[in-house]
Amino acid sequence: MTTPTKLDVPAATGLRAGCGCLSALVLFLLAAVAVVVFTGETTPGQKALILGLFVGVPLAVLAALWVVIVRRASTWVEGSTLVRRVAFRDRRIDLTAARADFRDPMLVIVDPATGTLRLPLRDARGAWLPAPQLRALADALDADPRHEPIVRGLRDLAGDPPR
């Protein structure tokens, strides 16, 4: 059993966009509730209850979703298997059975069993993944001779990444 190598790839774009859209919805709800509460004739207790239910609860749910979905997302390599965790689901891709394609700055992996996975080779700040992580990914892909050009490219990146 090989030691897993964690890859510092950011959360998927769809996850970040989904949280962003949900945040906009919560802010719109906050504005709508504020208009209703502060322009109508309500007592201070009713205002607090309305704000708590329609603003506090959605914000708490949004924060919990962010923690569970985005912060828990991670990717790692175990031998020739790539594992991507999102929320409570692990997606395992056998890189010897999958087809890989390099589309700068992304590695597109098509697995017949699980579908397509787009793996960014840059971290959240835009820098290339560290050399040991690129080498681990190259080693995982090296088991299949079809991936030779991609393996060579990843090892070149690990040696001297472009700016």
C-alpha atoms as a PDB file:
ATOM      1  CA  MET A   1       0.000   0.000   0.000  1.00  0.00           C
ATOM      2  CA  THR A   2       1.445   3.346  -0.993  1.00  0.00           C
ATOM      3  CA  THR A   3       1.267   6.493   1.053  1.00  0.00           C
ATOM      4  CA  PRO A   4      -1.427   8.875  -0.251  1.00  0.00           C
ATOM      5  CA  THR A   5      -0.182  12.184  -1.672  1.00  0.00           C
ATOM      6  CA  LYS A   6      -2.581  15.064  -1.125  1.00  0.00           C
ATOM      7  CA  LEU A   7      -2.944  17.448  -4.073  1.00  0.00           C
ATOM      8  CA  ASP A   8      -3.483  21.148  -3.349  1.00  0.00           C
ATOM      9  CA  VAL A   9      -6.149  21.641  -5.995  1.00  0.00           C
ATOM     10  CA  PRO A  10      -8.924  24.158  -5.315  1.00  0.00           C
ATOM     11  CA  ALA A  11     -12.561  23.192  -4.897  1.00  0.00           C
ATOM     12  CA  ALA A  12     -14.394  22.688  -8.167  1.00  0.00           C
ATOM     13  CA  THR A  13     -15.636  25.816  -9.912  1.00  0.00           C
ATOM     14  CA  GLY A  14     -19.223  24.578  -9.727  1.00  0.00           C
ATOM     15  CA  LEU A  15     -19.021  24.296  -5.939  1.00  0.00           C
ATOM     16  CA  ARG A  16     -17.628  27.795  -5.565  1.00  0.00           C
ATOM     17  CA  ALA A  17     -20.207  29.219  -7.974  1.00  0.00           C
ATOM     18  CA  GLY A  18     -23.023  27.417  -6.177  1.00  0.00           C
ATOM     19  CA  CYS A  19     -22.001  28.867  -2.828  1.00  0.00           C
ATOM     20  CA  GLY A  20     -21.666  32.305  -4.417  1.00  0.00           C
ATOM     21  CA  CYS A  21     -25.162  32.124  -5.910  1.00  0.00           C
ATOM     22  CA  LEU A  22     -26.587  30.916  -2.625  1.00  0.00           C
ATOM     23  CA  SER A  23     -24.872  33.825  -0.850  1.00  0.00           C
ATOM     24  CA  ALA A  24     -26.474  36.292  -3.279  1.00  0.00           C
ATOM     25  CA  LEU A  25     -29.873  34.715  -2.633  1.00  0.00           C
ATOM     26  CA  VAL A  26     -29.424  35.028   1.141  1.00  0.00           C
ATOM     27  CA  LEU A  27     -28.404  38.685   0.796  1.00  0.00           C
ATOM     28  CA  PHE A  28     -31.468  39.376  -1.361  1.00  0.00           C
ATOM     29  CA  LEU A  29     -33.629  37.680   1.257  1.00  0.00           C
ATOM     30  CA  LEU A  30     -31.978  39.812   3.945  1.00  0.00           C
ATOM     31  CA  ALA A  31     -32.755  43.003   2.024  1.00  0.00           C
ATOM     32  CA  ALA A  32     -36.372  41.974   1.387  1.00  0.00           C
ATOM     33  CA  VAL A  33     -36.946  41.068   5.033  1.00  0.00           C
ATOM     34  CA  ALA A  34     -35.329  44.320   6.200  1.00  0.00           C
ATOM     35  CA  VAL A  35     -37.667  46.341   3.999  1.00  0.00           C
ATOM     36  CA  VAL A  36     -40.732  44.469   5.283  1.00  0.00           C
ATOM     37  CA  VAL A  37     -39.653  44.623   8.929  1.00  0.00           C
ATOM     38  CA  PHE A  38     -38.611  48.243   9.084  1.00  0.00           C
ATOM     39  CA  THR A  39     -41.412  49.722   6.982  1.00  0.00           C
ATOM     40  CA  GLY A  40     -44.309  47.800   8.549  1.00  0.00           C
ATOM     41  CA  GLU A  41     -45.879  48.161  11.949  1.00  0.00           C
ATOM     42  CA  THR A  42     -44.208  45.428  13.950  1.00  0.00           C
ATOM     43  CA  THR A  43     -43.134  45.260  17.551  1.00  0.00           C
ATOM     44  CA  PRO A  44     -39.429  44.899  18.426  1.00  0.00           C
ATOM     45  CA  GLY A  45     -40.016  41.271  19.412  1.00  0.00           C
ATOM     46  CA  GLN A  46     -41.651  40.494  16.075  1.00  0.00           C
ATOM     47  CA  LYS A  47     -38.779  42.226  14.246  1.00  0.00           C
ATOM     48  CA  ALA A  48     -36.232  40.104  16.103  1.00  0.00           C
ATOM     49  CA  LEU A  49     -38.186  36.909  15.393  1.00  0.00           C
ATOM     50  CA  ILE A  50     -38.573  37.706  11.671  1.00  0.00           C
ATOM     51  CA  LEU A  51     -34.913  38.654  11.294  1.00  0.00           C
ATOM     52  CA  GLY A  52     -33.804  35.546  13.163  1.00  0.00           C
ATOM     53  CA  LEU A  53     -35.947  33.195  11.076  1.00  0.00           C
ATOM     54  CA  PHE A  54     -35.435  34.746   7.669  1.00  0.00           C
ATOM     55  CA  VAL A  55     -31.860  35.975   8.022  1.00  0.00           C
ATOM     56  CA  GLY A  56     -30.133  34.152  10.865  1.00  0.00           C
ATOM     57  CA  VAL A  57     -31.261  30.652   9.908  1.00  0.00           C
ATOM     58  CA  PRO A  58     -30.350  30.979   6.188  1.00  0.00           C
ATOM     59  CA  LEU A  59     -26.947  32.441   7.101  1.00  0.00           C
ATOM     60  CA  ALA A  60     -26.300  29.568   9.517  1.00  0.00           C
ATOM     61  CA  VAL A  61     -27.332  27.016   6.870  1.00  0.00           C
ATOM     62  CA  LEU A  62     -25.117  28.720   4.289  1.00  0.00           C
ATOM     63  CA  ALA A  63     -22.138  28.649   6.647  1.00  0.00           C
ATOM     64  CA  ALA A  64     -22.741  24.963   7.439  1.00  0.00           C
ATOM     65  CA  LEU A  65     -22.974  24.092   3.728  1.00  0.00           C
ATOM     66  CA  TRP A  66     -19.754  25.975   3.031  1.00  0.00           C
ATOM     67  CA  VAL A  67     -17.937  24.090   5.770  1.00  0.00           C
ATOM     68  CA  VAL A  68     -19.273  20.685   4.714  1.00  0.00           C
ATOM     69  CA  ILE A  69     -18.961  21.062   0.942  1.00  0.00           C
ATOM     70  CA  VAL A  70     -16.131  23.455   0.117  1.00  0.00           C
ATOM     71  CA  ARG A  71     -13.795  23.058   3.083  1.00  0.00           C
ATOM     72  CA  ARG A  72     -14.071  19.262   3.078  1.00  0.00           C
ATOM     73  CA  ALA A  73     -13.269  18.973  -0.648  1.00  0.00           C
ATOM     74  CA  SER A  74      -9.874  17.389  -1.236  1.00  0.00           C
ATOM     75  CA  THR A  75      -7.988  15.363  -3.822  1.00  0.00           C
ATOM     76  CA  TRP A  76      -5.200  12.842  -3.387  1.00  0.00           C
ATOM     77  CA  VAL A  77      -3.336  10.067  -5.198  1.00  0.00           C
ATOM     78  CA  GLU A  78      -3.038   6.520  -3.813  1.00  0.00           C
ATOM     79  CA  GLY A  79      -0.825   4.418  -6.061  1.00  0.00           C
ATOM     80  CA  SER A  80      -2.476   4.561  -9.489  1.00  0.00           C
ATOM     81  CA  THR A  81      -5.824   5.730  -8.092  1.00  0.00           C
ATOM     82  CA  LEU A  82      -6.950   9.353  -7.963  1.00  0.00           C
ATOM     83  CA  VAL A  83      -9.447  10.117  -5.189  1.00  0.00           C
ATOM     84  CA  ARG A  84     -11.572  13.273  -5.050  1.00  0.00           C
ATOM     85  CA  ARG A  85     -13.675  13.921  -1.941  1.00  0.00           C
ATOM     86  CA  VAL A  86     -16.591  16.329  -2.069  1.00  0.00           C
ATOM     87  CA  ALA A  87     -18.873  16.592   0.963  1.00  0.00           C
ATOM     88  CA  PHE A  88     -19.535  12.975   2.006  1.00  0.00           C
ATOM     89  CA  ARG A  89     -18.670  11.236  -1.258  1.00  0.00           C
ATOM     90  CA  ASP A  90     -15.329   9.892  -2.446  1.00  0.00           C
ATOM     91  CA  ARG A  91     -14.880   9.460  -6.185  1.00  0.00           C
ATOM     92  CA  ARG A  92     -12.146   6.941  -7.012  1.00  0.00           C
ATOM     93  CA  ILE A  93     -10.631   6.846 -10.500  1.00  0.00           C
ATOM     94  CA  ASP A  94      -8.321   4.059 -11.594  1.00  0.00           C
ATOM     95  CA  LEU A  95      -5.806   5.952 -13.726  1.00  0.00           C
ATOM     96  CA  THR A  96      -4.722   2.773 -15.523  1.00  0.00           C
ATOM     97  CA  ALA A  97      -8.235   2.383 -16.978  1.00  0.00           C
ATOM     98  CA  ALA A  98      -8.914   6.078 -17.534  1.00  0.00           C
ATOM     99  CA  ARG A  99      -7.938   8.273 -20.469  1.00  0.00           C
ATOM    100  CA  ALA A 100      -6.078  11.482 -19.616  1.00  0.00           C
ATOM    101  CA  ASP A 101      -5.610  14.664 -21.633  1.00  0.00           C
ATOM    102  CA  PHE A 102      -3.576  17.755 -20.739  1.00  0.00           C
ATOM    103  CA  ARG A 103      -5.367  21.051 -21.409  1.00  0.00           C
ATOM    104  CA  ASP A 104      -3.250  23.790 -19.886  1.00  0.00           C
ATOM    105  CA  PRO A 105      -3.586  24.315 -16.902  1.00  0.00           C
ATOM    106  CA  MET A 106      -5.883  21.370 -16.409  1.00  0.00           C
ATOM    107  CA  LEU A 107      -5.679  17.602 -16.566  1.00  0.00           C
ATOM    108  CA  VAL A 108      -8.897  16.133 -17.970  1.00  0.00           C
ATOM    109  CA  ILE A 109      -9.429  12.532 -16.917  1.00  0.00           C
ATOM    110  CA  VAL A 110     -12.162  10.451 -18.543  1.00  0.00           C
ATOM    111  CA  ASP A 111     -12.998   7.290 -16.655  1.00  0.00           C
ATOM    112  CA  PRO A 112     -15.439   4.837 -18.282  1.00  0.00           C
ATOM    113  CA  ALA A 113     -16.918   3.998 -14.861  1.00  0.00           C
ATOM    114  CA  THR A 114     -17.280   7.459 -13.272  1.00  0.00           C
ATOM    115  CA  GLY A 115     -17.189  10.005 -16.113  1.00  0.00           C
ATOM    116  CA  THR A 116     -15.028  13.080 -16.621  1.00  0.00           C
ATOM    117  CA  LEU A 117     -12.959  14.811 -13.961  1.00  0.00           C
ATOM    118  CA  ARG A 118     -11.189  18.121 -14.548  1.00  0.00           C
ATOM    119  CA  LEU A 119      -8.179  18.400 -12.279  1.00  0.00           C
ATOM    120  CA  PRO A 120      -6.610  21.870 -12.094  1.00  0.00           C
ATOM    121  CA  LEU A 121      -2.817  21.800 -11.965  1.00  0.00           C
ATOM    122  CA  ARG A 122      -2.693  25.254 -10.395  1.00  0.00           C
ATOM    123  CA  ASP A 123      -3.628  25.995  -6.811  1.00  0.00           C
ATOM    124  CA  ALA A 124      -6.175  28.594  -5.680  1.00  0.00           C
ATOM    125  CA  ARG A 125      -3.560  31.395  -5.982  1.00  0.00           C
ATOM    126  CA  GLY A 126      -2.689  30.456  -9.572  1.00  0.00           C
ATOM    127  CA  ALA A 127       0.702  28.871  -8.831  1.00  0.00           C
ATOM    128  CA  TRP A 128       1.539  25.434 -10.222  1.00  0.00           C
ATOM    129  CA  LEU A 129       1.138  22.541  -7.808  1.00  0.00           C
ATOM    130  CA  PRO A 130       4.331  21.790  -5.855  1.00  0.00           C
ATOM    131  CA  ALA A 131       6.861  19.541  -7.604  1.00  0.00           C
ATOM    132  CA  PRO A 132       6.320  16.505  -5.304  1.00  0.00           C
ATOM    133  CA  GLN A 133       2.579  16.574  -6.077  1.00  0.00           C
ATOM    134  CA  LEU A 134       3.172  16.849  -9.834  1.00  0.00           C
ATOM    135  CA  ARG A 135       5.641  13.938  -9.609  1.00  0.00           C
ATOM    136  CA  ALA A 136       3.133  11.827  -7.645  1.00  0.00           C
ATOM    137  CA  LEU A 137       0.502  12.494 -10.296  1.00  0.00           C
ATOM    138  CA  ALA A 138       3.005  11.600 -13.037  1.00  0.00           C
ATOM    139  CA  ASP A 139       3.930   8.373 -11.202  1.00  0.00           C
ATOM    140  CA  ALA A 140       0.247   7.453 -10.899  1.00  0.00           C
ATOM    141  CA  LEU A 141      -0.302   7.993 -14.633  1.00  0.00           C
ATOM    142  CA  ASP A 142       2.951   6.224 -15.575  1.00  0.00           C
ATOM    143  CA  ALA A 143       1.374   2.777 -15.137  1.00  0.00           C
ATOM    144  CA  ASP A 144      -0.366   3.197 -18.524  1.00  0.00           C
ATOM    145  CA  PRO A 145       1.865   3.662 -21.607  1.00  0.00           C
ATOM    146  CA  ARG A 146      -0.864   5.749 -23.314  1.00  0.00           C
ATOM    147  CA  HIS A 147      -0.140   8.533 -20.840  1.00  0.00           C
ATOM    148  CA  GLU A 148       3.579   8.831 -21.674  1.00  0.00           C
ATOM    149  CA  PRO A 149       3.371  12.381 -23.174  1.00  0.00           C
ATOM    150  CA  ILE A 150       1.367  13.623 -20.176  1.00  0.00           C
ATOM    151  CA  VAL A 151       3.754  11.950 -17.727  1.00  0.00           C
ATOM    152  CA  ARG A 152       6.706  13.598 -19.481  1.00  0.00           C
ATOM    153  CA  GLY A 153       4.938  16.989 -19.372  1.00  0.00           C
ATOM    154  CA  LEU A 154       4.114  16.668 -15.665  1.00  0.00           C
ATOM    155  CA  ARG A 155       7.699  15.706 -14.849  1.00  0.00           C
ATOM    156  CA  ASP A 156       8.950  18.698 -16.886  1.00  0.00           C
ATOM    157  CA  LEU A 157       6.586  20.944 -14.927  1.00  0.00           C
ATOM    158  CA  ALA A 158       7.854  19.462 -11.669  1.00  0.00           C
ATOM    159  CA  GLY A 159      11.443  20.228 -12.694  1.00  0.00           C
ATOM    160  CA  ASP A 160      10.989  23.761 -13.999  1.00  0.00           C
ATOM    161  CA  PRO A 161       7.408  25.102 -14.004  1.00  0.00           C
ATOM    162  CA  PRO A 162       6.656  28.047 -16.321  1.00  0.00           C
ATOM    163  CA  ARG A 163       5.667  31.305 -14.663  1.00  0.00           C
END
